[in-house]
Amino acid sequence: MNIYVDFDDCLCETGRAFSRLAADMFGINIPYESMRFFNLQQAFNLTDEQYDRLLIKGHDPEMLLSFEEAPGASKVINEWLRQGHHVSVITGRPYSSYEPSRAWLDNHGLQDVKVYFLDKYGRENFMKNSSFSLKLDDFFQMKFDYAVEDSPLAFRFFDHLPDLRVMVFDRPWNRTAKLPGSNYRRCPDWETIRAAVEERKCR
């Protein structure tokens, strides 16, 4: 079984960290539960200059390494690995963040997980000249049985996989999004994700 897992806000609590960062940098107090947009510029109502500064600071290696793990993520993923499944982290982070991203995974017991950097969002900001390690054409050749994703903007990357089961990690910015089909299931935590995958396997 091949499993796709998004990095930010699936493996780690990125939104919570950026909420604190926006408050520290700009005095903009938007609590995590009030973040209604996946796009951070919209979520915090930032100017272009503020948005660039926020993302630069948020992608600082020390900052990336400080993100807290989403409770239960490494436990469930390592359970899948022990069962012989393949887990690939597909992140929209730029490839320049490889070293701290790899170190974060290793520090959280996920040494056996592969990580790929895909330009999911084409952000027109400081990352517009960034490089990514996985090309779209190559991504569309990859096959997955399950996916764990929080961003509605990323759902389009699953259109070529009609049998894919998508576990939508419940976050404030995706709660009003219409899920594309019956193969999408909203999950509040990693234990629910684990149970949903196990339930499907047993059918």
N, C-alpha and C. Protein backbone atom coordinates (compact mmCIF):
# COMPACT_ATOMS: atom_id res chain seq x y z
N MET A 1 0.84 -1.18 0.00
CA MET A 1 0.00 0.00 0.00
C MET A 1 0.88 1.25 0.00
N ASN A 2 0.55 2.21 -0.84
CA ASN A 2 1.30 3.46 -0.93
C ASN A 2 0.46 4.60 -0.34
N ILE A 3 1.09 5.37 0.54
CA ILE A 3 0.36 6.41 1.27
C ILE A 3 1.06 7.75 1.07
N TYR A 4 0.29 8.74 0.67
CA TYR A 4 0.74 10.13 0.52
C TYR A 4 0.41 10.86 1.81
N VAL A 5 1.37 11.60 2.35
CA VAL A 5 1.12 12.41 3.54
C VAL A 5 1.66 13.81 3.30
N ASP A 6 0.84 14.81 3.49
CA ASP A 6 1.30 16.19 3.44
C ASP A 6 2.09 16.49 4.71
N PHE A 7 2.98 17.47 4.62
CA PHE A 7 3.84 17.78 5.78
C PHE A 7 3.13 18.76 6.72
N ASP A 8 2.97 20.01 6.26
CA ASP A 8 2.48 21.07 7.13
C ASP A 8 1.01 20.90 7.47
N ASP A 9 0.72 20.91 8.75
CA ASP A 9 -0.62 20.79 9.31
C ASP A 9 -1.22 19.40 9.15
N CYS A 10 -0.40 18.45 8.72
CA CYS A 10 -0.76 17.04 8.81
C CYS A 10 0.23 16.34 9.74
N LEU A 11 1.52 16.53 9.45
CA LEU A 11 2.55 15.99 10.33
C LEU A 11 2.87 16.93 11.48
N CYS A 12 2.81 18.24 11.22
CA CYS A 12 3.21 19.20 12.23
C CYS A 12 2.23 20.37 12.30
N GLU A 13 2.31 21.10 13.40
CA GLU A 13 1.34 22.16 13.68
C GLU A 13 1.82 23.51 13.13
N THR A 14 1.89 23.60 11.81
CA THR A 14 2.40 24.79 11.15
C THR A 14 1.47 25.99 11.35
N GLY A 15 0.18 25.79 11.19
CA GLY A 15 -0.76 26.89 11.33
C GLY A 15 -0.68 27.54 12.69
N ARG A 16 -0.57 26.74 13.72
CA ARG A 16 -0.46 27.28 15.08
C ARG A 16 0.81 28.12 15.22
N ALA A 17 1.91 27.63 14.63
CA ALA A 17 3.18 28.35 14.71
C ALA A 17 3.09 29.68 13.96
N PHE A 18 2.47 29.69 12.79
CA PHE A 18 2.36 30.93 12.02
C PHE A 18 1.40 31.91 12.68
N SER A 19 0.40 31.43 13.39
CA SER A 19 -0.49 32.32 14.12
C SER A 19 0.30 33.08 15.19
N ARG A 20 1.16 32.39 15.91
CA ARG A 20 2.00 33.04 16.91
C ARG A 20 3.01 33.98 16.26
N LEU A 21 3.54 33.56 15.10
CA LEU A 21 4.55 34.36 14.42
C LEU A 21 3.95 35.68 13.91
N ALA A 22 2.75 35.64 13.35
CA ALA A 22 2.10 36.86 12.87
C ALA A 22 1.86 37.83 14.02
N ALA A 23 1.52 37.29 15.18
CA ALA A 23 1.31 38.15 16.35
C ALA A 23 2.63 38.78 16.80
N ASP A 24 3.69 37.97 16.82
CA ASP A 24 4.99 38.48 17.26
C ASP A 24 5.57 39.51 16.29
N MET A 25 5.43 39.26 14.99
CA MET A 25 6.06 40.11 13.99
C MET A 25 5.26 41.38 13.71
N PHE A 26 3.94 41.26 13.67
CA PHE A 26 3.10 42.38 13.20
C PHE A 26 2.02 42.81 14.19
N GLY A 27 1.94 42.13 15.32
CA GLY A 27 0.87 42.45 16.26
C GLY A 27 -0.50 42.07 15.76
N ILE A 28 -0.56 41.14 14.81
CA ILE A 28 -1.83 40.68 14.24
C ILE A 28 -2.25 39.43 14.99
N ASN A 29 -3.30 39.55 15.76
CA ASN A 29 -3.73 38.45 16.62
C ASN A 29 -4.93 37.72 16.02
N ILE A 30 -4.64 36.74 15.20
CA ILE A 30 -5.66 35.86 14.64
C ILE A 30 -5.42 34.48 15.24
N PRO A 31 -6.22 34.09 16.22
CA PRO A 31 -6.01 32.77 16.83
C PRO A 31 -6.12 31.66 15.79
N TYR A 32 -5.44 30.57 16.06
CA TYR A 32 -5.45 29.42 15.15
C TYR A 32 -6.87 29.03 14.73
N GLU A 33 -7.79 28.94 15.68
CA GLU A 33 -9.16 28.51 15.36
C GLU A 33 -9.91 29.51 14.50
N SER A 34 -9.38 30.72 14.36
CA SER A 34 -10.02 31.74 13.53
C SER A 34 -9.37 31.86 12.15
N MET A 35 -8.43 30.99 11.83
CA MET A 35 -7.76 31.02 10.52
C MET A 35 -8.69 30.39 9.48
N ARG A 36 -9.39 31.21 8.74
CA ARG A 36 -10.40 30.73 7.81
C ARG A 36 -9.88 30.51 6.39
N PHE A 37 -8.61 30.85 6.15
CA PHE A 37 -8.05 30.69 4.81
C PHE A 37 -6.75 29.90 4.89
N PHE A 38 -6.54 29.00 3.94
CA PHE A 38 -5.28 28.27 3.86
C PHE A 38 -4.15 29.23 3.50
N ASN A 39 -4.44 30.19 2.61
CA ASN A 39 -3.45 31.19 2.22
C ASN A 39 -3.19 32.12 3.41
N LEU A 40 -1.94 32.16 3.86
CA LEU A 40 -1.62 32.92 5.07
C LEU A 40 -1.77 34.42 4.88
N GLN A 41 -1.59 34.90 3.66
CA GLN A 41 -1.79 36.33 3.42
C GLN A 41 -3.24 36.71 3.66
N GLN A 42 -4.15 35.86 3.21
CA GLN A 42 -5.57 36.09 3.46
C GLN A 42 -5.92 35.84 4.92
N ALA A 43 -5.37 34.80 5.48
CA ALA A 43 -5.71 34.44 6.86
C ALA A 43 -5.39 35.56 7.84
N PHE A 44 -4.28 36.27 7.59
CA PHE A 44 -3.84 37.32 8.51
C PHE A 44 -4.01 38.73 7.93
N ASN A 45 -4.58 38.81 6.71
CA ASN A 45 -4.79 40.10 6.05
C ASN A 45 -3.48 40.89 5.96
N LEU A 46 -2.48 40.28 5.36
CA LEU A 46 -1.14 40.86 5.27
C LEU A 46 -0.93 41.60 3.97
N THR A 47 -0.07 42.61 4.00
CA THR A 47 0.40 43.23 2.77
C THR A 47 1.36 42.26 2.08
N ASP A 48 1.68 42.53 0.82
CA ASP A 48 2.63 41.68 0.12
C ASP A 48 3.98 41.65 0.85
N GLU A 49 4.40 42.80 1.34
CA GLU A 49 5.70 42.87 2.02
C GLU A 49 5.66 42.08 3.32
N GLN A 50 4.58 42.18 4.07
CA GLN A 50 4.45 41.42 5.31
C GLN A 50 4.40 39.92 5.03
N TYR A 51 3.70 39.56 3.97
CA TYR A 51 3.57 38.13 3.61
C TYR A 51 4.94 37.54 3.30
N ASP A 52 5.74 38.26 2.51
CA ASP A 52 7.08 37.78 2.20
C ASP A 52 7.91 37.62 3.48
N ARG A 53 7.85 38.61 4.34
CA ARG A 53 8.62 38.56 5.58
C ARG A 53 8.17 37.39 6.46
N LEU A 54 6.86 37.16 6.52
CA LEU A 54 6.34 36.06 7.32
C LEU A 54 6.84 34.71 6.80
N LEU A 55 6.79 34.52 5.49
CA LEU A 55 7.21 33.25 4.92
C LEU A 55 8.72 33.05 5.03
N ILE A 56 9.48 34.11 4.87
CA ILE A 56 10.93 34.00 5.04
C ILE A 56 11.26 33.55 6.46
N LYS A 57 10.65 34.22 7.43
CA LYS A 57 10.89 33.85 8.83
C LYS A 57 10.36 32.44 9.12
N GLY A 58 9.20 32.12 8.57
CA GLY A 58 8.59 30.82 8.82
C GLY A 58 9.34 29.66 8.21
N HIS A 59 10.18 29.95 7.20
CA HIS A 59 10.99 28.90 6.58
C HIS A 59 12.44 28.91 7.05
N ASP A 60 12.72 29.71 8.06
CA ASP A 60 14.03 29.67 8.69
C ASP A 60 14.23 28.28 9.28
N PRO A 61 15.40 27.68 9.11
CA PRO A 61 15.61 26.32 9.61
C PRO A 61 15.26 26.14 11.08
N GLU A 62 15.64 27.09 11.90
CA GLU A 62 15.33 26.98 13.33
C GLU A 62 13.82 26.96 13.57
N MET A 63 13.10 27.77 12.81
CA MET A 63 11.65 27.81 12.94
C MET A 63 11.04 26.48 12.49
N LEU A 64 11.47 25.97 11.33
CA LEU A 64 10.92 24.71 10.83
C LEU A 64 11.16 23.57 11.81
N LEU A 65 12.33 23.56 12.44
CA LEU A 65 12.64 22.50 13.38
C LEU A 65 11.83 22.61 14.67
N SER A 66 11.29 23.80 14.94
CA SER A 66 10.56 24.01 16.19
C SER A 66 9.09 23.60 16.12
N PHE A 67 8.58 23.32 14.92
CA PHE A 67 7.16 23.00 14.80
C PHE A 67 6.82 21.75 15.60
N GLU A 68 5.73 21.81 16.34
CA GLU A 68 5.30 20.67 17.13
C GLU A 68 4.67 19.60 16.24
N GLU A 69 4.84 18.36 16.62
CA GLU A 69 4.23 17.25 15.87
C GLU A 69 2.72 17.24 16.09
N ALA A 70 1.96 16.98 15.03
CA ALA A 70 0.53 16.72 15.18
C ALA A 70 0.40 15.44 16.01
N PRO A 71 -0.32 15.49 17.12
CA PRO A 71 -0.34 14.34 18.03
C PRO A 71 -0.66 13.01 17.33
N GLY A 72 0.22 12.05 17.55
CA GLY A 72 0.00 10.71 17.03
C GLY A 72 0.52 10.45 15.64
N ALA A 73 1.03 11.48 14.95
CA ALA A 73 1.44 11.31 13.55
C ALA A 73 2.53 10.25 13.40
N SER A 74 3.63 10.41 14.12
CA SER A 74 4.74 9.47 13.95
C SER A 74 4.37 8.07 14.40
N LYS A 75 3.55 7.97 15.42
CA LYS A 75 3.12 6.64 15.90
C LYS A 75 2.36 5.88 14.81
N VAL A 76 1.40 6.55 14.17
CA VAL A 76 0.59 5.90 13.15
C VAL A 76 1.44 5.57 11.92
N ILE A 77 2.26 6.51 11.50
CA ILE A 77 3.07 6.28 10.30
C ILE A 77 4.05 5.14 10.52
N ASN A 78 4.67 5.07 11.68
CA ASN A 78 5.59 3.96 11.94
C ASN A 78 4.84 2.63 12.03
N GLU A 79 3.61 2.66 12.47
CA GLU A 79 2.80 1.45 12.45
C GLU A 79 2.59 0.98 11.01
N TRP A 80 2.28 1.93 10.12
CA TRP A 80 2.13 1.58 8.69
C TRP A 80 3.42 1.01 8.13
N LEU A 81 4.54 1.63 8.47
CA LEU A 81 5.83 1.15 7.96
C LEU A 81 6.12 -0.26 8.45
N ARG A 82 5.83 -0.54 9.69
CA ARG A 82 6.06 -1.89 10.23
C ARG A 82 5.19 -2.92 9.54
N GLN A 83 4.04 -2.50 9.04
CA GLN A 83 3.15 -3.40 8.32
C GLN A 83 3.58 -3.58 6.86
N GLY A 84 4.64 -2.89 6.45
CA GLY A 84 5.17 -3.04 5.10
C GLY A 84 4.65 -2.04 4.09
N HIS A 85 3.94 -1.02 4.54
CA HIS A 85 3.41 -0.01 3.62
C HIS A 85 4.48 1.05 3.33
N HIS A 86 4.30 1.75 2.23
CA HIS A 86 5.23 2.80 1.82
C HIS A 86 4.59 4.16 2.05
N VAL A 87 5.31 5.03 2.75
CA VAL A 87 4.80 6.36 3.06
C VAL A 87 5.70 7.40 2.41
N SER A 88 5.09 8.30 1.65
CA SER A 88 5.82 9.40 1.01
C SER A 88 5.25 10.72 1.49
N VAL A 89 6.10 11.58 2.00
CA VAL A 89 5.70 12.94 2.36
C VAL A 89 5.84 13.80 1.13
N ILE A 90 4.74 14.39 0.70
CA ILE A 90 4.74 15.28 -0.48
C ILE A 90 4.42 16.67 0.03
N THR A 91 5.42 17.55 0.06
CA THR A 91 5.24 18.86 0.64
C THR A 91 5.34 19.97 -0.40
N GLY A 92 4.64 21.06 -0.14
CA GLY A 92 4.72 22.24 -0.99
C GLY A 92 5.83 23.18 -0.57
N ARG A 93 6.60 22.79 0.43
CA ARG A 93 7.75 23.60 0.82
C ARG A 93 8.77 23.65 -0.33
N PRO A 94 9.56 24.74 -0.42
CA PRO A 94 10.62 24.77 -1.43
C PRO A 94 11.74 23.81 -1.07
N TYR A 95 12.48 23.36 -2.07
CA TYR A 95 13.54 22.39 -1.83
C TYR A 95 14.65 22.95 -0.95
N SER A 96 14.76 24.27 -0.87
CA SER A 96 15.76 24.89 0.01
C SER A 96 15.53 24.53 1.48
N SER A 97 14.33 24.05 1.79
CA SER A 97 14.03 23.66 3.17
C SER A 97 14.28 22.17 3.41
N TYR A 98 14.97 21.51 2.48
CA TYR A 98 15.15 20.06 2.61
C TYR A 98 15.83 19.67 3.92
N GLU A 99 16.96 20.30 4.24
CA GLU A 99 17.74 19.84 5.40
C GLU A 99 16.96 19.94 6.71
N PRO A 100 16.34 21.09 7.05
CA PRO A 100 15.56 21.10 8.29
C PRO A 100 14.32 20.22 8.23
N SER A 101 13.72 20.06 7.04
CA SER A 101 12.56 19.19 6.91
C SER A 101 12.95 17.74 7.15
N ARG A 102 14.08 17.34 6.55
CA ARG A 102 14.57 15.98 6.76
C ARG A 102 14.95 15.75 8.22
N ALA A 103 15.59 16.76 8.81
CA ALA A 103 15.99 16.65 10.21
C ALA A 103 14.76 16.55 11.12
N TRP A 104 13.70 17.31 10.80
CA TRP A 104 12.48 17.24 11.61
C TRP A 104 11.91 15.82 11.56
N LEU A 105 11.83 15.25 10.37
CA LEU A 105 11.32 13.88 10.24
C LEU A 105 12.18 12.90 11.04
N ASP A 106 13.49 13.02 10.89
CA ASP A 106 14.39 12.12 11.61
C ASP A 106 14.25 12.28 13.11
N ASN A 107 14.13 13.52 13.56
CA ASN A 107 14.01 13.79 15.00
C ASN A 107 12.72 13.25 15.59
N HIS A 108 11.73 13.02 14.73
CA HIS A 108 10.45 12.51 15.19
C HIS A 108 10.25 11.04 14.83
N GLY A 109 11.37 10.34 14.61
CA GLY A 109 11.32 8.90 14.41
C GLY A 109 10.83 8.47 13.05
N LEU A 110 10.92 9.37 12.05
CA LEU A 110 10.41 9.05 10.71
C LEU A 110 11.55 8.96 9.70
N GLN A 111 12.63 8.30 10.11
CA GLN A 111 13.81 8.18 9.26
C GLN A 111 13.54 7.40 7.98
N ASP A 112 12.56 6.51 8.00
CA ASP A 112 12.29 5.65 6.85
C ASP A 112 11.26 6.22 5.88
N VAL A 113 10.86 7.46 6.11
CA VAL A 113 9.87 8.10 5.25
C VAL A 113 10.58 8.95 4.20
N LYS A 114 10.18 8.80 2.95
CA LYS A 114 10.74 9.63 1.88
C LYS A 114 10.01 10.97 1.84
N VAL A 115 10.73 12.03 1.47
CA VAL A 115 10.10 13.36 1.38
C VAL A 115 10.40 13.96 0.01
N TYR A 116 9.35 14.49 -0.62
CA TYR A 116 9.45 15.11 -1.95
C TYR A 116 8.91 16.53 -1.87
N PHE A 117 9.52 17.41 -2.65
CA PHE A 117 9.15 18.83 -2.65
C PHE A 117 8.51 19.16 -3.99
N LEU A 118 7.19 19.40 -3.95
CA LEU A 118 6.38 19.62 -5.15
C LEU A 118 5.80 21.03 -5.12
N ASP A 119 5.87 21.72 -6.24
CA ASP A 119 5.30 23.07 -6.33
C ASP A 119 3.78 22.95 -6.43
N LYS A 120 3.15 22.81 -5.28
CA LYS A 120 1.70 22.59 -5.25
C LYS A 120 0.91 23.87 -5.53
N TYR A 121 1.48 25.01 -5.13
CA TYR A 121 0.65 26.21 -5.08
C TYR A 121 1.14 27.36 -5.96
N GLY A 122 2.34 27.26 -6.55
CA GLY A 122 2.83 28.31 -7.44
C GLY A 122 2.82 29.67 -6.78
N ARG A 123 3.24 29.74 -5.54
CA ARG A 123 3.15 30.98 -4.77
C ARG A 123 3.95 32.10 -5.43
N GLU A 124 3.32 33.26 -5.59
CA GLU A 124 3.99 34.42 -6.16
C GLU A 124 4.50 35.30 -5.02
N ASN A 125 5.56 34.85 -4.40
CA ASN A 125 6.15 35.62 -3.31
C ASN A 125 7.63 35.29 -3.28
N PHE A 126 8.22 35.25 -2.11
CA PHE A 126 9.66 35.00 -2.04
C PHE A 126 10.04 33.65 -2.61
N MET A 127 9.09 32.71 -2.73
CA MET A 127 9.40 31.38 -3.23
C MET A 127 9.24 31.25 -4.74
N LYS A 128 8.94 32.35 -5.42
CA LYS A 128 8.63 32.23 -6.85
C LYS A 128 9.80 31.73 -7.68
N ASN A 129 11.02 31.91 -7.18
CA ASN A 129 12.19 31.41 -7.91
C ASN A 129 12.78 30.16 -7.25
N SER A 130 11.99 29.54 -6.40
CA SER A 130 12.47 28.37 -5.68
C SER A 130 12.50 27.14 -6.60
N SER A 131 13.32 26.20 -6.22
CA SER A 131 13.35 24.92 -6.93
C SER A 131 12.63 23.87 -6.11
N PHE A 132 12.16 22.84 -6.80
CA PHE A 132 11.44 21.75 -6.17
C PHE A 132 12.02 20.44 -6.69
N SER A 133 12.01 19.42 -5.85
CA SER A 133 12.68 18.17 -6.23
C SER A 133 11.80 17.23 -7.03
N LEU A 134 10.50 17.48 -7.04
CA LEU A 134 9.57 16.59 -7.74
C LEU A 134 8.80 17.37 -8.79
N LYS A 135 8.94 16.99 -10.04
CA LYS A 135 8.23 17.66 -11.12
C LYS A 135 6.80 17.14 -11.20
N LEU A 136 5.91 18.00 -11.68
CA LEU A 136 4.50 17.60 -11.75
C LEU A 136 4.30 16.35 -12.60
N ASP A 137 4.98 16.27 -13.74
CA ASP A 137 4.82 15.10 -14.61
C ASP A 137 5.22 13.82 -13.88
N ASP A 138 6.27 13.91 -13.07
CA ASP A 138 6.70 12.74 -12.32
C ASP A 138 5.72 12.41 -11.19
N PHE A 139 5.19 13.45 -10.56
CA PHE A 139 4.20 13.20 -9.52
C PHE A 139 2.99 12.46 -10.08
N PHE A 140 2.54 12.86 -11.25
CA PHE A 140 1.33 12.24 -11.82
C PHE A 140 1.58 10.80 -12.27
N GLN A 141 2.83 10.36 -12.26
CA GLN A 141 3.13 8.96 -12.51
C GLN A 141 3.12 8.13 -11.23
N MET A 142 3.08 8.80 -10.09
CA MET A 142 3.07 8.10 -8.81
C MET A 142 1.67 7.60 -8.49
N LYS A 143 1.58 6.47 -7.84
CA LYS A 143 0.29 5.87 -7.49
C LYS A 143 0.17 5.78 -5.97
N PHE A 144 -0.97 6.17 -5.47
CA PHE A 144 -1.22 6.10 -4.03
C PHE A 144 -2.57 5.46 -3.77
N ASP A 145 -2.65 4.77 -2.65
CA ASP A 145 -3.91 4.17 -2.22
C ASP A 145 -4.65 5.06 -1.24
N TYR A 146 -3.89 5.78 -0.42
CA TYR A 146 -4.45 6.70 0.57
C TYR A 146 -3.65 7.99 0.55
N ALA A 147 -4.32 9.07 0.95
CA ALA A 147 -3.64 10.36 1.09
C ALA A 147 -4.14 11.05 2.35
N VAL A 148 -3.24 11.75 3.01
CA VAL A 148 -3.58 12.58 4.16
C VAL A 148 -3.22 14.01 3.77
N GLU A 149 -4.21 14.88 3.68
CA GLU A 149 -4.01 16.25 3.18
C GLU A 149 -4.96 17.20 3.89
N ASP A 150 -4.51 18.43 4.13
CA ASP A 150 -5.37 19.42 4.78
C ASP A 150 -5.81 20.54 3.86
N SER A 151 -5.13 20.73 2.74
CA SER A 151 -5.40 21.89 1.89
C SER A 151 -6.37 21.58 0.75
N PRO A 152 -7.52 22.27 0.70
CA PRO A 152 -8.42 22.09 -0.45
C PRO A 152 -7.76 22.44 -1.78
N LEU A 153 -6.75 23.30 -1.74
CA LEU A 153 -6.06 23.68 -2.97
C LEU A 153 -5.24 22.53 -3.54
N ALA A 154 -4.98 21.53 -2.73
CA ALA A 154 -4.18 20.39 -3.18
C ALA A 154 -5.04 19.24 -3.70
N PHE A 155 -6.34 19.31 -3.51
CA PHE A 155 -7.19 18.19 -3.93
C PHE A 155 -7.09 17.91 -5.42
N ARG A 156 -6.80 18.95 -6.22
CA ARG A 156 -6.72 18.77 -7.68
C ARG A 156 -5.59 17.81 -8.07
N PHE A 157 -4.63 17.62 -7.19
CA PHE A 157 -3.53 16.72 -7.50
C PHE A 157 -3.93 15.26 -7.38
N PHE A 158 -5.16 15.00 -6.99
CA PHE A 158 -5.63 13.63 -6.83
C PHE A 158 -6.60 13.21 -7.93
N ASP A 159 -6.88 14.11 -8.87
CA ASP A 159 -7.89 13.82 -9.89
C ASP A 159 -7.53 12.61 -10.75
N HIS A 160 -6.24 12.31 -10.88
CA HIS A 160 -5.82 11.20 -11.74
C HIS A 160 -5.89 9.86 -11.02
N LEU A 161 -6.32 9.88 -9.77
CA LEU A 161 -6.37 8.65 -8.97
C LEU A 161 -7.81 8.44 -8.47
N PRO A 162 -8.69 7.93 -9.31
CA PRO A 162 -10.11 7.82 -8.93
C PRO A 162 -10.37 6.89 -7.76
N ASP A 163 -9.49 5.94 -7.50
CA ASP A 163 -9.70 5.01 -6.40
C ASP A 163 -9.01 5.44 -5.10
N LEU A 164 -8.36 6.59 -5.13
CA LEU A 164 -7.65 7.07 -3.95
C LEU A 164 -8.62 7.42 -2.83
N ARG A 165 -8.30 7.01 -1.62
CA ARG A 165 -9.07 7.39 -0.43
C ARG A 165 -8.33 8.54 0.24
N VAL A 166 -8.99 9.68 0.36
CA VAL A 166 -8.34 10.89 0.90
C VAL A 166 -8.85 11.16 2.31
N MET A 167 -7.92 11.19 3.25
CA MET A 167 -8.22 11.55 4.63
C MET A 167 -7.95 13.05 4.77
N VAL A 168 -8.98 13.84 4.90
CA VAL A 168 -8.85 15.29 5.02
C VAL A 168 -8.64 15.64 6.48
N PHE A 169 -7.44 16.07 6.81
CA PHE A 169 -7.14 16.41 8.20
C PHE A 169 -7.89 17.69 8.55
N ASP A 170 -8.79 17.58 9.49
CA ASP A 170 -9.67 18.70 9.84
C ASP A 170 -8.87 19.88 10.39
N ARG A 171 -8.98 21.02 9.70
CA ARG A 171 -8.34 22.26 10.11
C ARG A 171 -9.33 23.40 9.89
N PRO A 172 -9.18 24.52 10.62
CA PRO A 172 -10.16 25.61 10.49
C PRO A 172 -10.37 26.10 9.07
N TRP A 173 -9.31 26.11 8.25
CA TRP A 173 -9.40 26.66 6.90
C TRP A 173 -10.04 25.70 5.89
N ASN A 174 -10.31 24.46 6.28
CA ASN A 174 -10.95 23.56 5.30
C ASN A 174 -12.36 23.14 5.72
N ARG A 175 -12.87 23.71 6.81
CA ARG A 175 -14.15 23.24 7.34
C ARG A 175 -15.35 23.64 6.49
N THR A 176 -15.21 24.69 5.72
CA THR A 176 -16.32 25.10 4.85
C THR A 176 -16.14 24.58 3.42
N ALA A 177 -15.03 23.91 3.16
CA ALA A 177 -14.77 23.40 1.81
C ALA A 177 -15.64 22.19 1.51
N LYS A 178 -16.17 22.16 0.30
CA LYS A 178 -16.93 21.01 -0.13
C LYS A 178 -15.97 19.91 -0.57
N LEU A 179 -16.12 18.75 -0.01
CA LEU A 179 -15.23 17.64 -0.37
C LEU A 179 -15.64 17.11 -1.74
N PRO A 180 -14.64 16.80 -2.59
CA PRO A 180 -14.93 16.47 -3.99
C PRO A 180 -15.75 15.21 -4.24
N GLY A 181 -15.74 14.26 -3.31
CA GLY A 181 -16.47 13.02 -3.57
C GLY A 181 -16.54 12.15 -2.33
N SER A 182 -17.18 11.00 -2.50
CA SER A 182 -17.38 10.09 -1.37
C SER A 182 -16.08 9.44 -0.92
N ASN A 183 -15.03 9.52 -1.74
CA ASN A 183 -13.74 8.95 -1.36
C ASN A 183 -12.95 9.89 -0.46
N TYR A 184 -13.53 11.06 -0.14
CA TYR A 184 -12.89 12.00 0.79
C TYR A 184 -13.58 11.88 2.15
N ARG A 185 -12.77 11.80 3.19
CA ARG A 185 -13.33 11.65 4.54
C ARG A 185 -12.62 12.62 5.48
N ARG A 186 -13.39 13.41 6.19
CA ARG A 186 -12.82 14.36 7.15
C ARG A 186 -12.42 13.62 8.42
N CYS A 187 -11.20 13.89 8.89
CA CYS A 187 -10.67 13.21 10.07
C CYS A 187 -10.11 14.23 11.06
N PRO A 188 -10.53 14.19 12.31
CA PRO A 188 -10.07 15.20 13.28
C PRO A 188 -8.69 14.95 13.85
N ASP A 189 -8.17 13.72 13.71
CA ASP A 189 -6.88 13.42 14.33
C ASP A 189 -6.29 12.16 13.69
N TRP A 190 -5.06 11.83 14.12
CA TRP A 190 -4.37 10.70 13.52
C TRP A 190 -4.96 9.35 13.92
N GLU A 191 -5.56 9.27 15.07
CA GLU A 191 -6.19 8.01 15.46
C GLU A 191 -7.38 7.71 14.55
N THR A 192 -8.13 8.75 14.19
CA THR A 192 -9.25 8.56 13.26
C THR A 192 -8.73 8.17 11.88
N ILE A 193 -7.63 8.77 11.46
CA ILE A 193 -7.01 8.42 10.18
C ILE A 193 -6.59 6.96 10.19
N ARG A 194 -5.91 6.54 11.25
CA ARG A 194 -5.47 5.15 11.36
C ARG A 194 -6.65 4.19 11.28
N ALA A 195 -7.72 4.50 12.03
CA ALA A 195 -8.89 3.64 12.05
C ALA A 195 -9.58 3.59 10.69
N ALA A 196 -9.62 4.73 9.99
CA ALA A 196 -10.27 4.77 8.68
C ALA A 196 -9.52 3.91 7.67
N VAL A 197 -8.20 3.97 7.71
CA VAL A 197 -7.39 3.15 6.80
C VAL A 197 -7.54 1.68 7.16
N GLU A 198 -7.52 1.36 8.44
CA GLU A 198 -7.64 -0.04 8.86
C GLU A 198 -9.03 -0.60 8.49
N GLU A 199 -10.03 0.21 8.66
CA GLU A 199 -11.39 -0.21 8.31
C GLU A 199 -11.50 -0.55 6.82
N ARG A 200 -10.90 0.28 6.00
CA ARG A 200 -10.95 0.07 4.55
C ARG A 200 -10.18 -1.18 4.16
N LYS A 201 -9.04 -1.41 4.81
CA LYS A 201 -8.21 -2.58 4.51
C LYS A 201 -8.94 -3.88 4.83
N CYS A 202 -9.81 -3.83 5.82
CA CYS A 202 -10.48 -5.06 6.28
C CYS A 202 -11.70 -5.42 5.45
N ARG A 203 -12.10 -4.53 4.55
CA ARG A 203 -13.30 -4.82 3.76
C ARG A 203 -13.01 -5.85 2.67
